[in-house]
Amino acid sequence: MSIPFRRLTAMIMSSAVLSCVAGCGSDPVGDAERARALAVSSTQDLGSFLVDGQGNTLYVFEPDEASEVSCTFTCATNWPPLTAAEGAAPAADEGVNPTLIGTRSSPSGGEVVTYRDWPLYRYAADKQPGQHRGQDINLNGGLWYVMRPDGSPLIP
Protein backbone atom coordinates (compact mmCIF):
# COMPACT_ATOMS: atom_id res chain seq x y z
CA MET A 1 0.00 0.00 0.00
CA SER A 2 1.51 3.31 -1.02
CA ILE A 3 1.19 6.58 0.88
CA PRO A 4 -0.21 9.46 -1.17
CA PHE A 5 2.47 12.01 -2.12
CA ARG A 6 0.87 14.91 -0.19
CA ARG A 7 0.58 12.87 2.98
CA LEU A 8 4.18 11.65 2.66
CA THR A 9 5.39 15.22 2.15
CA ALA A 10 3.43 16.39 5.20
CA MET A 11 4.93 13.59 7.31
CA ILE A 12 8.47 14.44 6.21
CA MET A 13 7.96 18.17 6.90
CA SER A 14 6.47 17.46 10.33
CA SER A 15 9.42 15.26 11.19
CA ALA A 16 11.88 17.93 10.09
CA VAL A 17 10.12 20.61 12.13
CA LEU A 18 10.05 18.41 15.24
CA SER A 19 13.73 17.59 14.84
CA CYS A 20 14.62 21.25 14.59
CA VAL A 21 12.48 22.17 17.59
CA ALA A 22 14.28 19.53 19.59
CA GLY A 23 17.81 20.45 18.51
CA CYS A 24 18.00 23.56 16.35
CA GLY A 25 18.36 27.18 17.31
CA SER A 26 19.74 28.79 20.37
CA ASP A 27 19.33 27.95 24.00
CA PRO A 28 16.58 30.28 25.27
CA VAL A 29 17.87 30.18 28.85
CA GLY A 30 21.40 31.00 27.68
CA ASP A 31 20.12 33.84 25.48
CA ALA A 32 18.10 35.25 28.37
CA GLU A 33 21.10 35.15 30.67
CA ARG A 34 23.35 36.84 28.09
CA ALA A 35 20.72 39.53 27.54
CA ARG A 36 20.65 40.24 31.28
CA ALA A 37 24.41 40.64 31.64
CA LEU A 38 25.77 44.18 31.84
CA ALA A 39 28.85 45.13 29.86
CA VAL A 40 30.65 48.25 28.64
CA SER A 41 30.92 49.36 25.03
CA SER A 42 32.29 52.54 23.54
CA THR A 43 32.08 54.64 20.42
CA GLN A 44 34.07 57.66 19.33
CA ASP A 45 31.05 59.96 19.57
CA LEU A 46 29.73 58.83 22.98
CA GLY A 47 32.68 57.31 24.81
CA SER A 48 31.92 54.42 27.18
CA PHE A 49 28.36 53.32 27.93
CA LEU A 50 26.48 50.29 29.23
CA VAL A 51 25.13 47.53 27.01
CA ASP A 52 23.38 44.26 27.75
CA GLY A 53 25.18 40.96 27.20
CA GLN A 54 24.13 40.98 23.53
CA GLY A 55 25.59 44.44 22.89
CA ASN A 56 22.30 46.37 22.97
CA THR A 57 22.73 49.92 24.26
CA LEU A 58 21.10 50.58 27.63
CA TYR A 59 19.21 53.80 28.27
CA VAL A 60 17.64 55.65 31.17
CA PHE A 61 14.42 57.67 31.06
CA GLU A 62 14.70 61.13 32.61
CA PRO A 63 11.19 61.02 34.20
CA ASP A 64 12.25 57.93 36.19
CA GLU A 65 14.49 60.25 38.24
CA ALA A 66 16.60 57.29 39.37
CA SER A 67 13.77 56.01 41.49
CA GLU A 68 10.88 54.37 39.66
CA VAL A 69 9.93 52.50 36.51
CA SER A 70 7.65 54.90 34.65
CA CYS A 71 8.02 53.58 31.08
CA THR A 72 5.46 50.77 31.05
CA PHE A 73 2.87 49.20 28.78
CA THR A 74 2.77 51.22 25.50
CA CYS A 75 6.01 53.07 26.29
CA ALA A 76 7.74 49.73 26.87
CA THR A 77 6.94 48.72 23.29
CA ASN A 78 9.46 51.32 22.08
CA TRP A 79 11.68 51.00 25.14
CA PRO A 80 11.69 47.41 26.42
CA PRO A 81 13.06 47.29 29.96
CA LEU A 82 16.01 45.09 30.81
CA THR A 83 14.29 42.51 33.00
CA ALA A 84 15.84 40.48 35.77
CA ALA A 85 15.49 36.76 36.21
CA GLU A 86 13.40 36.03 39.28
CA GLY A 87 15.58 36.26 42.36
CA ALA A 88 18.81 36.89 40.44
CA ALA A 89 20.90 39.96 39.73
CA PRO A 90 22.47 40.24 36.28
CA ALA A 91 26.12 39.44 35.77
CA ALA A 92 28.60 42.32 35.61
CA ASP A 93 31.30 42.17 32.95
CA GLU A 94 34.60 44.03 33.23
CA GLY A 95 34.10 47.76 33.66
CA VAL A 96 30.67 47.41 35.28
CA ASN A 97 30.43 48.14 39.00
CA PRO A 98 28.44 45.23 40.50
CA THR A 99 27.55 47.29 43.59
CA LEU A 100 25.52 49.67 41.37
CA ILE A 101 23.32 46.86 39.96
CA GLY A 102 19.89 46.28 41.44
CA THR A 103 16.29 45.62 40.50
CA ARG A 104 13.00 47.44 40.88
CA SER A 105 9.41 46.22 40.52
CA SER A 106 7.65 47.36 37.38
CA PRO A 107 3.98 48.45 37.48
CA SER A 108 3.46 46.27 34.39
CA GLY A 109 4.92 43.23 36.17
CA GLY A 110 8.31 41.69 36.77
CA GLU A 111 11.59 43.14 37.90
CA VAL A 112 13.58 45.70 35.91
CA VAL A 113 17.36 45.84 36.21
CA THR A 114 18.66 49.12 37.63
CA TYR A 115 22.06 50.76 37.65
CA ARG A 116 22.65 53.31 40.39
CA ASP A 117 18.89 53.06 40.94
CA TRP A 118 18.07 54.06 37.33
CA PRO A 119 15.85 51.49 35.53
CA LEU A 120 17.53 50.34 32.31
CA TYR A 121 15.84 50.09 28.92
CA ARG A 122 16.71 49.15 25.35
CA TYR A 123 15.45 51.04 22.28
CA ALA A 124 13.47 49.15 19.65
CA ALA A 125 14.91 51.32 16.84
CA ASP A 126 18.45 50.10 17.65
CA LYS A 127 18.60 47.20 15.21
CA GLN A 128 22.24 46.18 15.71
CA PRO A 129 24.51 45.89 18.74
CA GLY A 130 26.17 49.18 19.57
CA GLN A 131 23.62 51.41 17.85
CA HIS A 132 22.48 54.31 20.02
CA ARG A 133 19.67 56.01 18.11
CA GLY A 134 17.86 56.75 21.36
CA GLN A 135 20.54 59.01 22.84
CA ASP A 136 19.18 62.43 23.79
CA ILE A 137 15.79 62.07 22.14
CA ASN A 138 12.46 63.18 23.52
CA LEU A 139 10.03 60.30 23.11
CA ASN A 140 7.19 58.76 25.14
CA GLY A 141 6.99 61.66 27.56
CA GLY A 142 10.60 62.47 28.30
CA LEU A 143 14.26 62.49 27.36
CA TRP A 144 16.36 59.33 26.98
CA TYR A 145 20.09 58.99 27.61
CA VAL A 146 22.62 56.18 27.46
CA MET A 147 23.93 55.07 30.84
CA ARG A 148 27.64 55.49 31.61
CA PRO A 149 29.63 52.87 33.53
CA ASP A 150 30.00 55.32 36.44
CA GLY A 151 26.21 55.28 36.91
CA SER A 152 25.42 58.67 35.41
CA PRO A 153 23.25 59.32 32.36
CA LEU A 154 25.12 60.77 29.38
CA ILE A 155 23.42 64.19 29.31
CA PRO A 156 24.90 66.46 26.63
C-alpha atoms as a PDB file:
ATOM      1  CA  MET A   1       0.000   0.000   0.000  1.00  0.00           C
ATOM      2  CA  SER A   2       1.513   3.313  -1.022  1.00  0.00           C
ATOM      3  CA  ILE A   3       1.188   6.576   0.883  1.00  0.00           C
ATOM      4  CA  PRO A   4      -0.208   9.463  -1.166  1.00  0.00           C
ATOM      5  CA  PHE A   5       2.474  12.013  -2.120  1.00  0.00           C
ATOM      6  CA  ARG A   6       0.865  14.909  -0.190  1.00  0.00           C
ATOM      7  CA  ARG A   7       0.583  12.867   2.977  1.00  0.00           C
ATOM      8  CA  LEU A   8       4.185  11.648   2.655  1.00  0.00           C
ATOM      9  CA  THR A   9       5.393  15.220   2.145  1.00  0.00           C
ATOM     10  CA  ALA A  10       3.432  16.391   5.200  1.00  0.00           C
ATOM     11  CA  MET A  11       4.930  13.585   7.309  1.00  0.00           C
ATOM     12  CA  ILE A  12       8.473  14.442   6.211  1.00  0.00           C
ATOM     13  CA  MET A  13       7.959  18.171   6.903  1.00  0.00           C
ATOM     14  CA  SER A  14       6.467  17.458  10.332  1.00  0.00           C
ATOM     15  CA  SER A  15       9.416  15.257  11.187  1.00  0.00           C
ATOM     16  CA  ALA A  16      11.877  17.933  10.091  1.00  0.00           C
ATOM     17  CA  VAL A  17      10.124  20.612  12.133  1.00  0.00           C
ATOM     18  CA  LEU A  18      10.046  18.411  15.237  1.00  0.00           C
ATOM     19  CA  SER A  19      13.728  17.589  14.838  1.00  0.00           C
ATOM     20  CA  CYS A  20      14.616  21.249  14.588  1.00  0.00           C
ATOM     21  CA  VAL A  21      12.477  22.174  17.589  1.00  0.00           C
ATOM     22  CA  ALA A  22      14.284  19.533  19.592  1.00  0.00           C
ATOM     23  CA  GLY A  23      17.811  20.446  18.511  1.00  0.00           C
ATOM     24  CA  CYS A  24      18.000  23.564  16.353  1.00  0.00           C
ATOM     25  CA  GLY A  25      18.356  27.178  17.307  1.00  0.00           C
ATOM     26  CA  SER A  26      19.742  28.793  20.374  1.00  0.00           C
ATOM     27  CA  ASP A  27      19.333  27.947  24.000  1.00  0.00           C
ATOM     28  CA  PRO A  28      16.575  30.277  25.272  1.00  0.00           C
ATOM     29  CA  VAL A  29      17.869  30.184  28.846  1.00  0.00           C
ATOM     30  CA  GLY A  30      21.400  30.999  27.681  1.00  0.00           C
ATOM     31  CA  ASP A  31      20.116  33.841  25.481  1.00  0.00           C
ATOM     32  CA  ALA A  32      18.096  35.248  28.367  1.00  0.00           C
ATOM     33  CA  GLU A  33      21.103  35.153  30.673  1.00  0.00           C
ATOM     34  CA  ARG A  34      23.350  36.843  28.088  1.00  0.00           C
ATOM     35  CA  ALA A  35      20.720  39.533  27.535  1.00  0.00           C
ATOM     36  CA  ARG A  36      20.649  40.238  31.279  1.00  0.00           C
ATOM     37  CA  ALA A  37      24.413  40.644  31.636  1.00  0.00           C
ATOM     38  CA  LEU A  38      25.766  44.182  31.837  1.00  0.00           C
ATOM     39  CA  ALA A  39      28.853  45.127  29.856  1.00  0.00           C
ATOM     40  CA  VAL A  40      30.647  48.246  28.638  1.00  0.00           C
ATOM     41  CA  SER A  41      30.925  49.362  25.034  1.00  0.00           C
ATOM     42  CA  SER A  42      32.290  52.540  23.539  1.00  0.00           C
ATOM     43  CA  THR A  43      32.084  54.642  20.419  1.00  0.00           C
ATOM     44  CA  GLN A  44      34.069  57.655  19.334  1.00  0.00           C
ATOM     45  CA  ASP A  45      31.053  59.956  19.569  1.00  0.00           C
ATOM     46  CA  LEU A  46      29.729  58.832  22.978  1.00  0.00           C
ATOM     47  CA  GLY A  47      32.678  57.315  24.808  1.00  0.00           C
ATOM     48  CA  SER A  48      31.921  54.422  27.184  1.00  0.00           C
ATOM     49  CA  PHE A  49      28.357  53.317  27.927  1.00  0.00           C
ATOM     50  CA  LEU A  50      26.476  50.291  29.229  1.00  0.00           C
ATOM     51  CA  VAL A  51      25.127  47.526  27.013  1.00  0.00           C
ATOM     52  CA  ASP A  52      23.381  44.263  27.748  1.00  0.00           C
ATOM     53  CA  GLY A  53      25.176  40.961  27.196  1.00  0.00           C
ATOM     54  CA  GLN A  54      24.135  40.980  23.532  1.00  0.00           C
ATOM     55  CA  GLY A  55      25.591  44.436  22.888  1.00  0.00           C
ATOM     56  CA  ASN A  56      22.300  46.373  22.971  1.00  0.00           C
ATOM     57  CA  THR A  57      22.732  49.925  24.258  1.00  0.00           C
ATOM     58  CA  LEU A  58      21.096  50.579  27.629  1.00  0.00           C
ATOM     59  CA  TYR A  59      19.213  53.798  28.266  1.00  0.00           C
ATOM     60  CA  VAL A  60      17.637  55.651  31.174  1.00  0.00           C
ATOM     61  CA  PHE A  61      14.417  57.670  31.059  1.00  0.00           C
ATOM     62  CA  GLU A  62      14.699  61.133  32.615  1.00  0.00           C
ATOM     63  CA  PRO A  63      11.187  61.018  34.203  1.00  0.00           C
ATOM     64  CA  ASP A  64      12.253  57.926  36.192  1.00  0.00           C
ATOM     65  CA  GLU A  65      14.495  60.249  38.243  1.00  0.00           C
ATOM     66  CA  ALA A  66      16.605  57.292  39.373  1.00  0.00           C
ATOM     67  CA  SER A  67      13.773  56.010  41.488  1.00  0.00           C
ATOM     68  CA  GLU A  68      10.877  54.371  39.657  1.00  0.00           C
ATOM     69  CA  VAL A  69       9.927  52.498  36.511  1.00  0.00           C
ATOM     70  CA  SER A  70       7.650  54.899  34.647  1.00  0.00           C
ATOM     71  CA  CYS A  71       8.022  53.577  31.080  1.00  0.00           C
ATOM     72  CA  THR A  72       5.457  50.767  31.051  1.00  0.00           C
ATOM     73  CA  PHE A  73       2.870  49.197  28.783  1.00  0.00           C
ATOM     74  CA  THR A  74       2.767  51.222  25.503  1.00  0.00           C
ATOM     75  CA  CYS A  75       6.006  53.066  26.285  1.00  0.00           C
ATOM     76  CA  ALA A  76       7.743  49.733  26.867  1.00  0.00           C
ATOM     77  CA  THR A  77       6.940  48.723  23.286  1.00  0.00           C
ATOM     78  CA  ASN A  78       9.460  51.319  22.082  1.00  0.00           C
ATOM     79  CA  TRP A  79      11.678  51.004  25.139  1.00  0.00           C
ATOM     80  CA  PRO A  80      11.690  47.407  26.424  1.00  0.00           C
ATOM     81  CA  PRO A  81      13.056  47.288  29.959  1.00  0.00           C
ATOM     82  CA  LEU A  82      16.007  45.086  30.812  1.00  0.00           C
ATOM     83  CA  THR A  83      14.292  42.508  32.998  1.00  0.00           C
ATOM     84  CA  ALA A  84      15.840  40.476  35.768  1.00  0.00           C
ATOM     85  CA  ALA A  85      15.494  36.756  36.215  1.00  0.00           C
ATOM     86  CA  GLU A  86      13.398  36.035  39.279  1.00  0.00           C
ATOM     87  CA  GLY A  87      15.583  36.256  42.363  1.00  0.00           C
ATOM     88  CA  ALA A  88      18.812  36.894  40.442  1.00  0.00           C
ATOM     89  CA  ALA A  89      20.904  39.961  39.726  1.00  0.00           C
ATOM     90  CA  PRO A  90      22.472  40.243  36.280  1.00  0.00           C
ATOM     91  CA  ALA A  91      26.116  39.443  35.773  1.00  0.00           C
ATOM     92  CA  ALA A  92      28.596  42.316  35.610  1.00  0.00           C
ATOM     93  CA  ASP A  93      31.300  42.167  32.954  1.00  0.00           C
ATOM     94  CA  GLU A  94      34.603  44.026  33.227  1.00  0.00           C
ATOM     95  CA  GLY A  95      34.102  47.759  33.661  1.00  0.00           C
ATOM     96  CA  VAL A  96      30.675  47.411  35.283  1.00  0.00           C
ATOM     97  CA  ASN A  97      30.432  48.136  38.998  1.00  0.00           C
ATOM     98  CA  PRO A  98      28.440  45.230  40.501  1.00  0.00           C
ATOM     99  CA  THR A  99      27.550  47.290  43.591  1.00  0.00           C
ATOM    100  CA  LEU A 100      25.521  49.667  41.366  1.00  0.00           C
ATOM    101  CA  ILE A 101      23.321  46.862  39.963  1.00  0.00           C
ATOM    102  CA  GLY A 102      19.893  46.281  41.436  1.00  0.00           C
ATOM    103  CA  THR A 103      16.287  45.623  40.501  1.00  0.00           C
ATOM    104  CA  ARG A 104      12.997  47.436  40.876  1.00  0.00           C
ATOM    105  CA  SER A 105       9.411  46.220  40.520  1.00  0.00           C
ATOM    106  CA  SER A 106       7.648  47.362  37.383  1.00  0.00           C
ATOM    107  CA  PRO A 107       3.985  48.451  37.484  1.00  0.00           C
ATOM    108  CA  SER A 108       3.464  46.275  34.393  1.00  0.00           C
ATOM    109  CA  GLY A 109       4.915  43.228  36.171  1.00  0.00           C
ATOM    110  CA  GLY A 110       8.306  41.687  36.768  1.00  0.00           C
ATOM    111  CA  GLU A 111      11.591  43.141  37.898  1.00  0.00           C
ATOM    112  CA  VAL A 112      13.578  45.704  35.907  1.00  0.00           C
ATOM    113  CA  VAL A 113      17.361  45.845  36.209  1.00  0.00           C
ATOM    114  CA  THR A 114      18.660  49.121  37.629  1.00  0.00           C
ATOM    115  CA  TYR A 115      22.062  50.765  37.647  1.00  0.00           C
ATOM    116  CA  ARG A 116      22.647  53.314  40.395  1.00  0.00           C
ATOM    117  CA  ASP A 117      18.889  53.056  40.937  1.00  0.00           C
ATOM    118  CA  TRP A 118      18.066  54.057  37.333  1.00  0.00           C
ATOM    119  CA  PRO A 119      15.850  51.489  35.534  1.00  0.00           C
ATOM    120  CA  LEU A 120      17.534  50.337  32.315  1.00  0.00           C
ATOM    121  CA  TYR A 121      15.838  50.087  28.921  1.00  0.00           C
ATOM    122  CA  ARG A 122      16.714  49.154  25.351  1.00  0.00           C
ATOM    123  CA  TYR A 123      15.449  51.042  22.285  1.00  0.00           C
ATOM    124  CA  ALA A 124      13.467  49.147  19.646  1.00  0.00           C
ATOM    125  CA  ALA A 125      14.911  51.318  16.835  1.00  0.00           C
ATOM    126  CA  ASP A 126      18.449  50.100  17.647  1.00  0.00           C
ATOM    127  CA  LYS A 127      18.599  47.205  15.212  1.00  0.00           C
ATOM    128  CA  GLN A 128      22.236  46.181  15.712  1.00  0.00           C
ATOM    129  CA  PRO A 129      24.511  45.887  18.737  1.00  0.00           C
ATOM    130  CA  GLY A 130      26.170  49.184  19.571  1.00  0.00           C
ATOM    131  CA  GLN A 131      23.622  51.406  17.854  1.00  0.00           C
ATOM    132  CA  HIS A 132      22.477  54.309  20.020  1.00  0.00           C
ATOM    133  CA  ARG A 133      19.674  56.011  18.111  1.00  0.00           C
ATOM    134  CA  GLY A 134      17.862  56.750  21.355  1.00  0.00           C
ATOM    135  CA  GLN A 135      20.543  59.006  22.842  1.00  0.00           C
ATOM    136  CA  ASP A 136      19.183  62.431  23.792  1.00  0.00           C
ATOM    137  CA  ILE A 137      15.785  62.067  22.136  1.00  0.00           C
ATOM    138  CA  ASN A 138      12.457  63.178  23.520  1.00  0.00           C
ATOM    139  CA  LEU A 139      10.029  60.295  23.106  1.00  0.00           C
ATOM    140  CA  ASN A 140       7.189  58.764  25.137  1.00  0.00           C
ATOM    141  CA  GLY A 141       6.991  61.661  27.561  1.00  0.00           C
ATOM    142  CA  GLY A 142      10.599  62.473  28.298  1.00  0.00           C
ATOM    143  CA  LEU A 143      14.259  62.491  27.362  1.00  0.00           C
ATOM    144  CA  TRP A 144      16.358  59.332  26.980  1.00  0.00           C
ATOM    145  CA  TYR A 145      20.094  58.990  27.610  1.00  0.00           C
ATOM    146  CA  VAL A 146      22.618  56.184  27.459  1.00  0.00           C
ATOM    147  CA  MET A 147      23.935  55.067  30.839  1.00  0.00           C
ATOM    148  CA  ARG A 148      27.638  55.491  31.614  1.00  0.00           C
ATOM    149  CA  PRO A 149      29.634  52.867  33.532  1.00  0.00           C
ATOM    150  CA  ASP A 150      30.003  55.325  36.441  1.00  0.00           C
ATOM    151  CA  GLY A 151      26.210  55.277  36.910  1.00  0.00           C
ATOM    152  CA  SER A 152      25.425  58.671  35.412  1.00  0.00           C
ATOM    153  CA  PRO A 153      23.249  59.316  32.359  1.00  0.00           C
ATOM    154  CA  LEU A 154      25.124  60.772  29.381  1.00  0.00           C
ATOM    155  CA  ILE A 155      23.422  64.189  29.311  1.00  0.00           C
ATOM    156  CA  PRO A 156      24.895  66.462  26.632  1.00  0.00           C
END
